[in-house]
PDB file of N, CA and C in Angstrom:
ATOM      1  N   UNK A   1     -15.587  32.127   5.352  1.00  0.00           N
ATOM      2  CA  UNK A   1     -16.203  31.201   4.179  1.00  0.00           C
ATOM      3  C   UNK A   1     -15.932  30.947   2.638  1.00  0.00           C
ATOM      4  N   UNK A   2     -15.708  32.307   2.344  1.00  0.00           N
ATOM      5  CA  UNK A   2     -15.176  32.296   0.336  1.00  0.00           C
ATOM      6  C   UNK A   2     -13.484  31.554   0.195  1.00  0.00           C
ATOM      7  N   UNK A   3     -12.734  31.317   1.388  1.00  0.00           N
ATOM      8  CA  UNK A   3     -12.321  31.072   1.049  1.00  0.00           C
ATOM      9  C   UNK A   3     -12.262  29.082   0.917  1.00  0.00           C
ATOM     10  N   UNK A   4     -12.897  29.019   1.481  1.00  0.00           N
ATOM     11  CA  UNK A   4     -13.994  27.367   2.128  1.00  0.00           C
ATOM     12  C   UNK A   4     -14.239  26.642   0.582  1.00  0.00           C
ATOM     13  N   UNK A   5     -15.219  27.610  -0.019  1.00  0.00           N
ATOM     14  CA  UNK A   5     -15.542  27.778  -0.572  1.00  0.00           C
ATOM     15  C   UNK A   5     -14.821  27.223  -2.415  1.00  0.00           C
ATOM     16  N   UNK A   6     -13.364  28.205  -2.189  1.00  0.00           N
ATOM     17  CA  UNK A   6     -12.439  27.691  -3.544  1.00  0.00           C
ATOM     18  C   UNK A   6     -11.984  26.898  -3.572  1.00  0.00           C
ATOM     19  N   UNK A   7     -11.233  26.291  -1.899  1.00  0.00           N
ATOM     20  CA  UNK A   7     -10.696  25.121  -2.381  1.00  0.00           C
ATOM     21  C   UNK A   7     -12.119  23.697  -1.895  1.00  0.00           C
ATOM     22  N   UNK A   8     -13.141  23.978  -2.605  1.00  0.00           N
ATOM     23  CA  UNK A   8     -14.363  22.955  -2.786  1.00  0.00           C
ATOM     24  C   UNK A   8     -13.722  21.653  -3.150  1.00  0.00           C
ATOM     25  N   UNK A   9     -13.653  22.624  -4.813  1.00  0.00           N
ATOM     26  CA  UNK A   9     -13.795  21.378  -5.930  1.00  0.00           C
ATOM     27  C   UNK A   9     -12.121  20.071  -5.381  1.00  0.00           C
ATOM     28  N   UNK A  10     -10.846  21.150  -4.941  1.00  0.00           N
ATOM     29  CA  UNK A  10     -10.002  20.487  -4.781  1.00  0.00           C
ATOM     30  C   UNK A  10      -9.920  19.677  -3.334  1.00  0.00           C
ATOM     31  N   UNK A  11     -10.376  19.921  -2.625  1.00  0.00           N
ATOM     32  CA  UNK A  11     -11.180  19.130  -1.265  1.00  0.00           C
ATOM     33  C   UNK A  11     -12.007  17.961  -1.977  1.00  0.00           C
ATOM     34  N   UNK A  12     -13.001  17.979  -2.241  1.00  0.00           N
ATOM     35  CA  UNK A  12     -13.279  17.381  -2.900  1.00  0.00           C
ATOM     36  C   UNK A  12     -12.957  16.291  -4.117  1.00  0.00           C
ATOM     37  N   UNK A  13     -12.525  16.362  -5.120  1.00  0.00           N
ATOM     38  CA  UNK A  13     -11.263  15.571  -5.748  1.00  0.00           C
ATOM     39  C   UNK A  13     -10.280  14.933  -5.255  1.00  0.00           C
ATOM     40  N   UNK A  14      -9.766  15.652  -3.624  1.00  0.00           N
ATOM     41  CA  UNK A  14      -8.170  14.890  -3.621  1.00  0.00           C
ATOM     42  C   UNK A  14      -9.294  13.715  -2.799  1.00  0.00           C
ATOM     43  N   UNK A  15     -10.455  13.974  -2.347  1.00  0.00           N
ATOM     44  CA  UNK A  15     -11.271  12.721  -0.988  1.00  0.00           C
ATOM     45  C   UNK A  15     -11.727  11.387  -1.889  1.00  0.00           C
ATOM     46  N   UNK A  16     -12.641  11.539  -3.469  1.00  0.00           N
ATOM     47  CA  UNK A  16     -12.910  10.870  -4.142  1.00  0.00           C
ATOM     48  C   UNK A  16     -11.930  10.133  -4.686  1.00  0.00           C
ATOM     49  N   UNK A  17     -10.604  10.534  -5.021  1.00  0.00           N
ATOM     50  CA  UNK A  17      -9.694   9.892  -5.485  1.00  0.00           C
ATOM     51  C   UNK A  17      -9.109   8.995  -4.293  1.00  0.00           C
ATOM     52  N   UNK A  18      -9.317   9.439  -3.171  1.00  0.00           N
ATOM     53  CA  UNK A  18      -8.324   9.059  -2.237  1.00  0.00           C
ATOM     54  C   UNK A  18      -9.848   8.063  -1.785  1.00  0.00           C
ATOM     55  N   UNK A  19     -10.746   7.854  -1.906  1.00  0.00           N
ATOM     56  CA  UNK A  19     -11.384   6.740  -1.355  1.00  0.00           C
ATOM     57  C   UNK A  19     -11.389   5.488  -2.757  1.00  0.00           C
ATOM     58  N   UNK A  20     -11.133   6.061  -4.140  1.00  0.00           N
ATOM     59  CA  UNK A  20     -10.813   4.852  -5.333  1.00  0.00           C
ATOM     60  C   UNK A  20     -10.006   4.537  -4.991  1.00  0.00           C
ATOM     61  N   UNK A  21      -8.264   4.867  -4.603  1.00  0.00           N
ATOM     62  CA  UNK A  21      -7.528   4.053  -4.480  1.00  0.00           C
ATOM     63  C   UNK A  21      -7.118   3.943  -3.383  1.00  0.00           C
ATOM     64  N   UNK A  22      -7.962   3.522  -2.232  1.00  0.00           N
ATOM     65  CA  UNK A  22      -7.870   3.252  -1.067  1.00  0.00           C
ATOM     66  C   UNK A  22      -9.134   1.774  -1.069  1.00  0.00           C
ATOM     67  N   UNK A  23      -9.477   2.093  -1.712  1.00  0.00           N
ATOM     68  CA  UNK A  23     -10.396   1.054  -2.848  1.00  0.00           C
ATOM     69  C   UNK A  23      -9.329  -0.386  -3.307  1.00  0.00           C
ATOM     70  N   UNK A  24      -8.686   0.349  -4.576  1.00  0.00           N
ATOM     71  CA  UNK A  24      -8.069  -0.259  -5.589  1.00  0.00           C
ATOM     72  C   UNK A  24      -6.897  -0.826  -4.528  1.00  0.00           C
ATOM     73  N   UNK A  25      -6.474  -0.340  -3.486  1.00  0.00           N
ATOM     74  CA  UNK A  25      -5.203  -1.074  -2.922  1.00  0.00           C
ATOM     75  C   UNK A  25      -5.756  -2.463  -2.003  1.00  0.00           C
ATOM     76  N   UNK A  26      -7.168  -1.967  -1.675  1.00  0.00           N
ATOM     77  CA  UNK A  26      -7.596  -2.614  -0.421  1.00  0.00           C
ATOM     78  C   UNK A  26      -7.778  -4.093  -1.248  1.00  0.00           C
ATOM     79  N   UNK A  27      -8.668  -4.155  -2.969  1.00  0.00           N
ATOM     80  CA  UNK A  27      -8.559  -5.334  -3.858  1.00  0.00           C
ATOM     81  C   UNK A  27      -7.773  -5.609  -3.956  1.00  0.00           C
ATOM     82  N   UNK A  28      -6.907  -5.438  -4.369  1.00  0.00           N
ATOM     83  CA  UNK A  28      -5.405  -5.766  -5.002  1.00  0.00           C
ATOM     84  C   UNK A  28      -4.836  -6.137  -3.772  1.00  0.00           C
ATOM     85  N   UNK A  29      -4.480  -5.811  -3.178  1.00  0.00           N
ATOM     86  CA  UNK A  29      -3.617  -6.395  -2.132  1.00  0.00           C
ATOM     87  C   UNK A  29      -3.767  -7.996  -1.390  1.00  0.00           C
ATOM     88  N   UNK A  30      -5.896  -7.570  -0.969  1.00  0.00           N
ATOM     89  CA  UNK A  30      -6.094  -8.996  -1.218  1.00  0.00           C
ATOM     90  C   UNK A  30      -5.942  -9.995  -2.170  1.00  0.00           C
ATOM     91  N   UNK A  31      -5.934 -10.215  -3.342  1.00  0.00           N
ATOM     92  CA  UNK A  31      -5.709 -10.921  -4.201  1.00  0.00           C
ATOM     93  C   UNK A  31      -4.149 -11.199  -3.923  1.00  0.00           C
ATOM     94  N   UNK A  32      -3.452 -10.543  -3.988  1.00  0.00           N
ATOM     95  CA  UNK A  32      -1.808 -10.573  -3.913  1.00  0.00           C
ATOM     96  C   UNK A  32      -1.291 -11.347  -2.280  1.00  0.00           C
ATOM     97  N   UNK A  33      -2.075 -11.072  -1.704  1.00  0.00           N
ATOM     98  CA  UNK A  33      -2.143 -11.901  -0.402  1.00  0.00           C
ATOM     99  C   UNK A  33      -2.751 -13.744  -0.196  1.00  0.00           C
ATOM    100  N   UNK A  34      -3.658 -13.223  -1.076  1.00  0.00           N
ATOM    101  CA  UNK A  34      -4.166 -15.014  -1.191  1.00  0.00           C
ATOM    102  C   UNK A  34      -3.399 -15.614  -2.510  1.00  0.00           C
ATOM    103  N   UNK A  35      -2.832 -14.853  -3.608  1.00  0.00           N
ATOM    104  CA  UNK A  35      -1.726 -15.801  -4.498  1.00  0.00           C
ATOM    105  C   UNK A  35      -0.399 -15.857  -3.452  1.00  0.00           C
ATOM    106  N   UNK A  36       0.165 -15.350  -3.155  1.00  0.00           N
ATOM    107  CA  UNK A  36       1.286 -15.489  -1.920  1.00  0.00           C
ATOM    108  C   UNK A  36       1.004 -16.897  -1.503  1.00  0.00           C
ATOM    109  N   UNK A  37      -0.115 -16.919  -0.149  1.00  0.00           N
ATOM    110  CA  UNK A  37      -0.444 -17.662   0.256  1.00  0.00           C
ATOM    111  C   UNK A  37      -0.875 -18.785  -0.467  1.00  0.00           C
ATOM    112  N   UNK A  38      -1.165 -18.813  -1.470  1.00  0.00           N
ATOM    113  CA  UNK A  38      -1.675 -20.084  -2.085  1.00  0.00           C
ATOM    114  C   UNK A  38      -0.046 -20.510  -2.749  1.00  0.00           C
ATOM    115  N   UNK A  39       0.706 -19.419  -3.556  1.00  0.00           N
ATOM    116  CA  UNK A  39       1.352 -20.388  -3.725  1.00  0.00           C
ATOM    117  C   UNK A  39       3.158 -20.967  -2.338  1.00  0.00           C
ATOM    118  N   UNK A  40       2.662 -19.828  -1.499  1.00  0.00           N
ATOM    119  CA  UNK A  40       3.362 -20.731  -0.177  1.00  0.00           C
ATOM    120  C   UNK A  40       3.318 -21.885   0.383  1.00  0.00           C
ATOM    121  N   UNK A  41       2.006 -22.155  -0.059  1.00  0.00           N
ATOM    122  CA  UNK A  41       1.515 -23.788   0.572  1.00  0.00           C
ATOM    123  C   UNK A  41       1.581 -24.691  -0.421  1.00  0.00           C
ATOM    124  N   UNK A  42       1.481 -24.148  -2.009  1.00  0.00           N
ATOM    125  CA  UNK A  42       2.083 -24.790  -2.666  1.00  0.00           C
ATOM    126  C   UNK A  42       3.053 -25.264  -2.630  1.00  0.00           C
ATOM    127  N   UNK A  43       4.568 -24.757  -2.120  1.00  0.00           N
ATOM    128  CA  UNK A  43       5.823 -24.376  -1.919  1.00  0.00           C
ATOM    129  C   UNK A  43       5.877 -25.287  -0.843  1.00  0.00           C
ATOM    130  N   UNK A  44       5.464 -25.529  -0.051  1.00  0.00           N
ATOM    131  CA  UNK A  44       5.252 -26.165   1.257  1.00  0.00           C
ATOM    132  C   UNK A  44       4.982 -28.036   1.530  1.00  0.00           C
ATOM    133  N   UNK A  45       3.383 -27.654   0.548  1.00  0.00           N
ATOM    134  CA  UNK A  45       3.391 -28.970   0.225  1.00  0.00           C
ATOM    135  C   UNK A  45       4.210 -29.463  -0.739  1.00  0.00           C
ATOM    136  N   UNK A  46       5.063 -29.126  -2.088  1.00  0.00           N
ATOM    137  CA  UNK A  46       6.117 -30.048  -2.473  1.00  0.00           C
ATOM    138  C   UNK A  46       6.919 -30.321  -1.908  1.00  0.00           C
ATOM    139  N   UNK A  47       7.901 -29.471  -1.064  1.00  0.00           N
ATOM    140  CA  UNK A  47       9.257 -29.365  -0.024  1.00  0.00           C
ATOM    141  C   UNK A  47       9.092 -30.759   0.679  1.00  0.00           C
ATOM    142  N   UNK A  48       7.482 -30.276   1.460  1.00  0.00           N
ATOM    143  CA  UNK A  48       6.967 -31.858   2.405  1.00  0.00           C
ATOM    144  C   UNK A  48       6.598 -33.238   1.586  1.00  0.00           C
ATOM    145  N   UNK A  49       6.651 -32.927   0.113  1.00  0.00           N
ATOM    146  CA  UNK A  49       6.717 -34.558  -0.627  1.00  0.00           C
ATOM    147  C   UNK A  49       8.111 -34.421  -1.056  1.00  0.00           C
ATOM    148  N   UNK A  50       9.394 -34.069  -0.941  1.00  0.00           N
ATOM    149  CA  UNK A  50      10.673 -34.348  -1.722  1.00  0.00           C
ATOM    150  C   UNK A  50      10.668 -33.751  -3.180  1.00  0.00           C
ATOM    151  N   UNK A  51      10.084 -33.000  -3.822  1.00  0.00           N
ATOM    152  CA  UNK A  51       9.556 -32.839  -4.655  1.00  0.00           C
ATOM    153  C   UNK A  51      10.766 -31.117  -5.062  1.00  0.00           C
ATOM    154  N   UNK A  52      10.923 -30.606  -3.961  1.00  0.00           N
ATOM    155  CA  UNK A  52      11.665 -29.247  -3.911  1.00  0.00           C
ATOM    156  C   UNK A  52      12.319 -29.076  -2.722  1.00  0.00           C
ATOM    157  N   UNK A  53      13.461 -28.325  -2.847  1.00  0.00           N
ATOM    158  CA  UNK A  53      14.250 -27.906  -1.533  1.00  0.00           C
ATOM    159  C   UNK A  53      14.438 -26.946  -1.783  1.00  0.00           C
ATOM    160  N   UNK A  54      13.716 -26.011  -0.449  1.00  0.00           N
ATOM    161  CA  UNK A  54      13.974 -24.764  -0.473  1.00  0.00           C
ATOM    162  C   UNK A  54      15.183 -24.156   0.626  1.00  0.00           C
ATOM    163  N   UNK A  55      15.486 -22.985   0.426  1.00  0.00           N
ATOM    164  CA  UNK A  55      16.722 -22.963   1.294  1.00  0.00           C
ATOM    165  C   UNK A  55      16.196 -21.499   1.958  1.00  0.00           C
ATOM    166  N   UNK A  56      15.749 -21.367   2.748  1.00  0.00           N
ATOM    167  CA  UNK A  56      14.625 -20.319   3.949  1.00  0.00           C
ATOM    168  C   UNK A  56      15.403 -19.206   3.715  1.00  0.00           C
ATOM    169  N   UNK A  57      16.737 -19.399   4.222  1.00  0.00           N
ATOM    170  CA  UNK A  57      18.144 -18.419   4.565  1.00  0.00           C
ATOM    171  C   UNK A  57      18.307 -17.857   3.966  1.00  0.00           C
ATOM    172  N   UNK A  58      17.812 -17.911   2.238  1.00  0.00           N
ATOM    173  CA  UNK A  58      18.437 -17.658   1.393  1.00  0.00           C
ATOM    174  C   UNK A  58      17.137 -16.388   0.891  1.00  0.00           C
ATOM    175  N   UNK A  59      15.983 -17.263   1.152  1.00  0.00           N
ATOM    176  CA  UNK A  59      14.893 -16.720   0.745  1.00  0.00           C
ATOM    177  C   UNK A  59      14.758 -15.228   1.809  1.00  0.00           C
ATOM    178  N   UNK A  60      15.189 -15.532   2.769  1.00  0.00           N
ATOM    179  CA  UNK A  60      15.197 -14.230   3.904  1.00  0.00           C
ATOM    180  C   UNK A  60      16.030 -13.127   3.465  1.00  0.00           C
ATOM    181  N   UNK A  61      17.350 -13.622   3.256  1.00  0.00           N
ATOM    182  CA  UNK A  61      18.211 -12.518   2.756  1.00  0.00           C
ATOM    183  C   UNK A  61      17.772 -11.774   1.362  1.00  0.00           C
ATOM    184  N   UNK A  62      17.278 -12.125   0.808  1.00  0.00           N
ATOM    185  CA  UNK A  62      16.544 -11.767  -0.445  1.00  0.00           C
ATOM    186  C   UNK A  62      15.603 -10.815  -0.099  1.00  0.00           C
ATOM    187  N   UNK A  63      15.277 -11.416   0.687  1.00  0.00           N
ATOM    188  CA  UNK A  63      14.307 -10.533   1.064  1.00  0.00           C
ATOM    189  C   UNK A  63      14.051  -8.770   1.926  1.00  0.00           C
ATOM    190  N   UNK A  64      15.007  -9.226   2.778  1.00  0.00           N
ATOM    191  CA  UNK A  64      15.617  -8.255   3.851  1.00  0.00           C
ATOM    192  C   UNK A  64      15.650  -6.691   3.197  1.00  0.00           C
ATOM    193  N   UNK A  65      16.358  -6.675   2.090  1.00  0.00           N
ATOM    194  CA  UNK A  65      16.155  -5.090   2.033  1.00  0.00           C
ATOM    195  C   UNK A  65      14.951  -4.013   1.366  1.00  0.00           C
ATOM    196  N   UNK A  66      14.199  -4.928   0.977  1.00  0.00           N
ATOM    197  CA  UNK A  66      12.947  -4.478   0.772  1.00  0.00           C
ATOM    198  C   UNK A  66      11.516  -4.082   1.968  1.00  0.00           C
ATOM    199  N   UNK A  67      11.483  -2.947   2.433  1.00  0.00           N
ATOM    200  CA  UNK A  67      11.970  -1.799   2.642  1.00  0.00           C
ATOM    201  C   UNK A  67      13.204  -1.547   3.419  1.00  0.00           C
ATOM    202  N   UNK A  68      13.241  -3.326   4.503  1.00  0.00           N
ATOM    203  CA  UNK A  68      13.813  -2.654   5.240  1.00  0.00           C
ATOM    204  C   UNK A  68      13.847  -2.214   6.457  1.00  0.00           C
ATOM    205  N   UNK A  69      14.889  -1.949   7.352  1.00  0.00           N
ATOM    206  CA  UNK A  69      14.125  -1.092   8.550  1.00  0.00           C
ATOM    207  C   UNK A  69      14.605   0.519   8.347  1.00  0.00           C
ATOM    208  N   UNK A  70      14.764   0.951   6.886  1.00  0.00           N
ATOM    209  CA  UNK A  70      15.083   2.251   6.215  1.00  0.00           C
ATOM    210  C   UNK A  70      13.831   3.263   5.615  1.00  0.00           C
ATOM    211  N   UNK A  71      12.917   3.176   6.477  1.00  0.00           N
ATOM    212  CA  UNK A  71      11.226   3.712   6.229  1.00  0.00           C
ATOM    213  C   UNK A  71      11.957   5.760   5.951  1.00  0.00           C
ATOM    214  N   UNK A  72      13.048   5.781   6.123  1.00  0.00           N
ATOM    215  CA  UNK A  72      12.521   7.156   5.982  1.00  0.00           C
ATOM    216  C   UNK A  72      12.939   7.892   5.058  1.00  0.00           C
ATOM    217  N   UNK A  73      13.649   8.320   3.734  1.00  0.00           N
ATOM    218  CA  UNK A  73      13.684   8.382   2.495  1.00  0.00           C
ATOM    219  C   UNK A  73      11.955   7.865   1.681  1.00  0.00           C
ATOM    220  N   UNK A  74      11.792   6.939   2.441  1.00  0.00           N
ATOM    221  CA  UNK A  74      10.176   6.906   1.586  1.00  0.00           C
ATOM    222  C   UNK A  74       9.206   7.650   2.671  1.00  0.00           C
ATOM    223  N   UNK A  75       9.286   7.380   3.466  1.00  0.00           N
ATOM    224  CA  UNK A  75       8.396   8.880   4.294  1.00  0.00           C
ATOM    225  C   UNK A  75       8.224  10.024   4.228  1.00  0.00           C
ATOM    226  N   UNK A  76      10.031  10.673   4.146  1.00  0.00           N
ATOM    227  CA  UNK A  76      10.411  12.013   3.357  1.00  0.00           C
ATOM    228  C   UNK A  76       9.841  12.151   1.899  1.00  0.00           C
ATOM    229  N   UNK A  77       9.931  11.442   1.110  1.00  0.00           N
ATOM    230  CA  UNK A  77       9.133  11.291  -0.561  1.00  0.00           C
ATOM    231  C   UNK A  77       7.537  11.344  -0.269  1.00  0.00           C
ATOM    232  N   UNK A  78       6.938  10.790   0.710  1.00  0.00           N
ATOM    233  CA  UNK A  78       5.412  11.000   0.616  1.00  0.00           C
ATOM    234  C   UNK A  78       5.346  12.078   1.594  1.00  0.00           C
ATOM    235  N   UNK A  79       6.065  12.516   2.440  1.00  0.00           N
ATOM    236  CA  UNK A  79       5.098  13.803   3.064  1.00  0.00           C
ATOM    237  C   UNK A  79       5.947  15.185   2.303  1.00  0.00           C
ATOM    238  N   UNK A  80       6.767  15.248   0.786  1.00  0.00           N
ATOM    239  CA  UNK A  80       7.417  16.321   0.033  1.00  0.00           C
ATOM    240  C   UNK A  80       5.950  16.219  -0.950  1.00  0.00           C
ATOM    241  N   UNK A  81       5.536  14.353  -1.246  1.00  0.00           N
ATOM    242  CA  UNK A  81       4.301  14.811  -2.443  1.00  0.00           C
ATOM    243  C   UNK A  81       3.281  15.541  -1.569  1.00  0.00           C
ATOM    244  N   UNK A  82       2.629  15.004  -0.768  1.00  0.00           N
ATOM    245  CA  UNK A  82       1.353  15.586   0.526  1.00  0.00           C
ATOM    246  C   UNK A  82       1.730  16.691   0.601  1.00  0.00           C
ATOM    247  N   UNK A  83       2.700  17.164   0.884  1.00  0.00           N
ATOM    248  CA  UNK A  83       3.020  18.601   1.556  1.00  0.00           C
ATOM    249  C   UNK A  83       2.941  19.686   0.160  1.00  0.00           C
ATOM    250  N   UNK A  84       3.151  19.494  -0.653  1.00  0.00           N
ATOM    251  CA  UNK A  84       3.189  20.152  -2.082  1.00  0.00           C
ATOM    252  C   UNK A  84       1.709  20.957  -2.580  1.00  0.00           C
ATOM    253  N   UNK A  85       0.972  19.909  -2.642  1.00  0.00           N
ATOM    254  CA  UNK A  85      -0.238  20.337  -2.662  1.00  0.00           C
ATOM    255  C   UNK A  85      -1.216  20.262  -1.318  1.00  0.00           C
ATOM    256  N   UNK A  86      -1.566  20.848   0.233  1.00  0.00           N
ATOM    257  CA  UNK A  86      -1.609  19.796   1.462  1.00  0.00           C
ATOM    258  C   UNK A  86      -3.501  19.923   1.347  1.00  0.00           C
ATOM    259  N   UNK A  87      -3.768  20.669   0.131  1.00  0.00           N
ATOM    260  CA  UNK A  87      -5.519  20.815   0.687  1.00  0.00           C
ATOM    261  C   UNK A  87      -5.835  19.275  -0.346  1.00  0.00           C
ATOM    262  N   UNK A  88      -5.451  18.890  -1.152  1.00  0.00           N
ATOM    263  CA  UNK A  88      -5.366  18.231  -2.170  1.00  0.00           C
ATOM    264  C   UNK A  88      -4.858  16.444  -1.322  1.00  0.00           C
ATOM    265  N   UNK A  89      -3.822  16.943  -0.704  1.00  0.00           N
ATOM    266  CA  UNK A  89      -2.606  15.830  -0.220  1.00  0.00           C
ATOM    267  C   UNK A  89      -3.964  15.272   1.532  1.00  0.00           C
ATOM    268  N   UNK A  90      -4.131  16.015   2.002  1.00  0.00           N
ATOM    269  CA  UNK A  90      -5.266  15.470   3.163  1.00  0.00           C
ATOM    270  C   UNK A  90      -6.512  15.288   3.180  1.00  0.00           C
ATOM    271  N   UNK A  91      -7.133  16.020   2.169  1.00  0.00           N
ATOM    272  CA  UNK A  91      -8.721  14.802   1.220  1.00  0.00           C
ATOM    273  C   UNK A  91      -8.237  13.640   1.230  1.00  0.00           C
ATOM    274  N   UNK A  92      -7.224  13.625  -0.227  1.00  0.00           N
ATOM    275  CA  UNK A  92      -7.060  12.739  -0.348  1.00  0.00           C
ATOM    276  C   UNK A  92      -6.610  11.456   0.506  1.00  0.00           C
ATOM    277  N   UNK A  93      -5.250  11.293   1.685  1.00  0.00           N
ATOM    278  CA  UNK A  93      -5.127  10.793   2.496  1.00  0.00           C
ATOM    279  C   UNK A  93      -6.629  10.075   3.407  1.00  0.00           C
ATOM    280  N   UNK A  94      -7.329  11.321   4.012  1.00  0.00           N
ATOM    281  CA  UNK A  94      -8.861  10.937   4.798  1.00  0.00           C
ATOM    282  C   UNK A  94      -9.618  10.328   3.753  1.00  0.00           C
ATOM    283  N   UNK A  95      -9.969  10.188   2.284  1.00  0.00           N
ATOM    284  CA  UNK A  95     -10.584   9.428   2.022  1.00  0.00           C
ATOM    285  C   UNK A  95      -9.912   7.968   1.732  1.00  0.00           C
ATOM    286  N   UNK A  96      -8.899   7.831   1.018  1.00  0.00           N
ATOM    287  CA  UNK A  96      -7.867   6.404   1.612  1.00  0.00           C
ATOM    288  C   UNK A  96      -8.056   5.830   2.219  1.00  0.00           C
ATOM    289  N   UNK A  97      -8.049   6.549   3.733  1.00  0.00           N
ATOM    290  CA  UNK A  97      -8.115   5.549   4.693  1.00  0.00           C
ATOM    291  C   UNK A  97      -9.291   5.431   5.256  1.00  0.00           C
ATOM    292  N   UNK A  98     -10.180   6.176   5.120  1.00  0.00           N
ATOM    293  CA  UNK A  98     -11.797   5.742   4.930  1.00  0.00           C
ATOM    294  C   UNK A  98     -11.900   4.473   4.190  1.00  0.00           C
ATOM    295  N   UNK A  99     -11.695   4.915   3.152  1.00  0.00           N
ATOM    296  CA  UNK A  99     -11.892   3.725   2.148  1.00  0.00           C
ATOM    297  C   UNK A  99     -11.451   1.933   2.946  1.00  0.00           C
ATOM    298  N   UNK A 100      -9.441   2.739   3.049  1.00  0.00           N
ATOM    299  CA  UNK A 100      -9.313   0.891   3.076  1.00  0.00           C
ATOM    300  C   UNK A 100      -9.311   0.675   4.341  1.00  0.00           C
ATOM    301  N   UNK A 101     -10.040   1.561   5.517  1.00  0.00           N
ATOM    302  CA  UNK A 101     -10.383   0.929   6.814  1.00  0.00           C
ATOM    303  C   UNK A 101     -12.023   0.307   7.023  1.00  0.00           C
ATOM    304  N   UNK A 102     -12.690   0.770   5.391  1.00  0.00           N
ATOM    305  CA  UNK A 102     -14.216   0.427   5.405  1.00  0.00           C
ATOM    306  C   UNK A 102     -14.099  -1.503   5.370  1.00  0.00           C
TER     307      UNK A 102
END
C-alpha cells in the first residue's frame, strides 16, 4: 500500500490531464469535421454549377502519404513516450479514452 500512495499524485495528474486532453480532442475534432464537411459541400455545389473543376484523382494522390499504411513509426514513438513514465502514461491513456468515449 505505501507504494500506491507514493504513485497516487502521478496517477491522479495523469488521469485528469488525460480527461482534459480527450475533451479537447473531441471538441476540436468535431469542429474540424464540421468545417471539412462544409468545405466539401461548398466545393461540390460549385463543381455541380460548373464554377470550379476538381481533379479528385490529384486530391487523393496528395492525401495518400498522410499517414498512409505505415503507422509503425507513429506507434513506436507513442509507445516509447508512454512507456517512459508508465504510471503517468497509463493513467493519462485511461483518462483520455474515458473522455473521448463519453
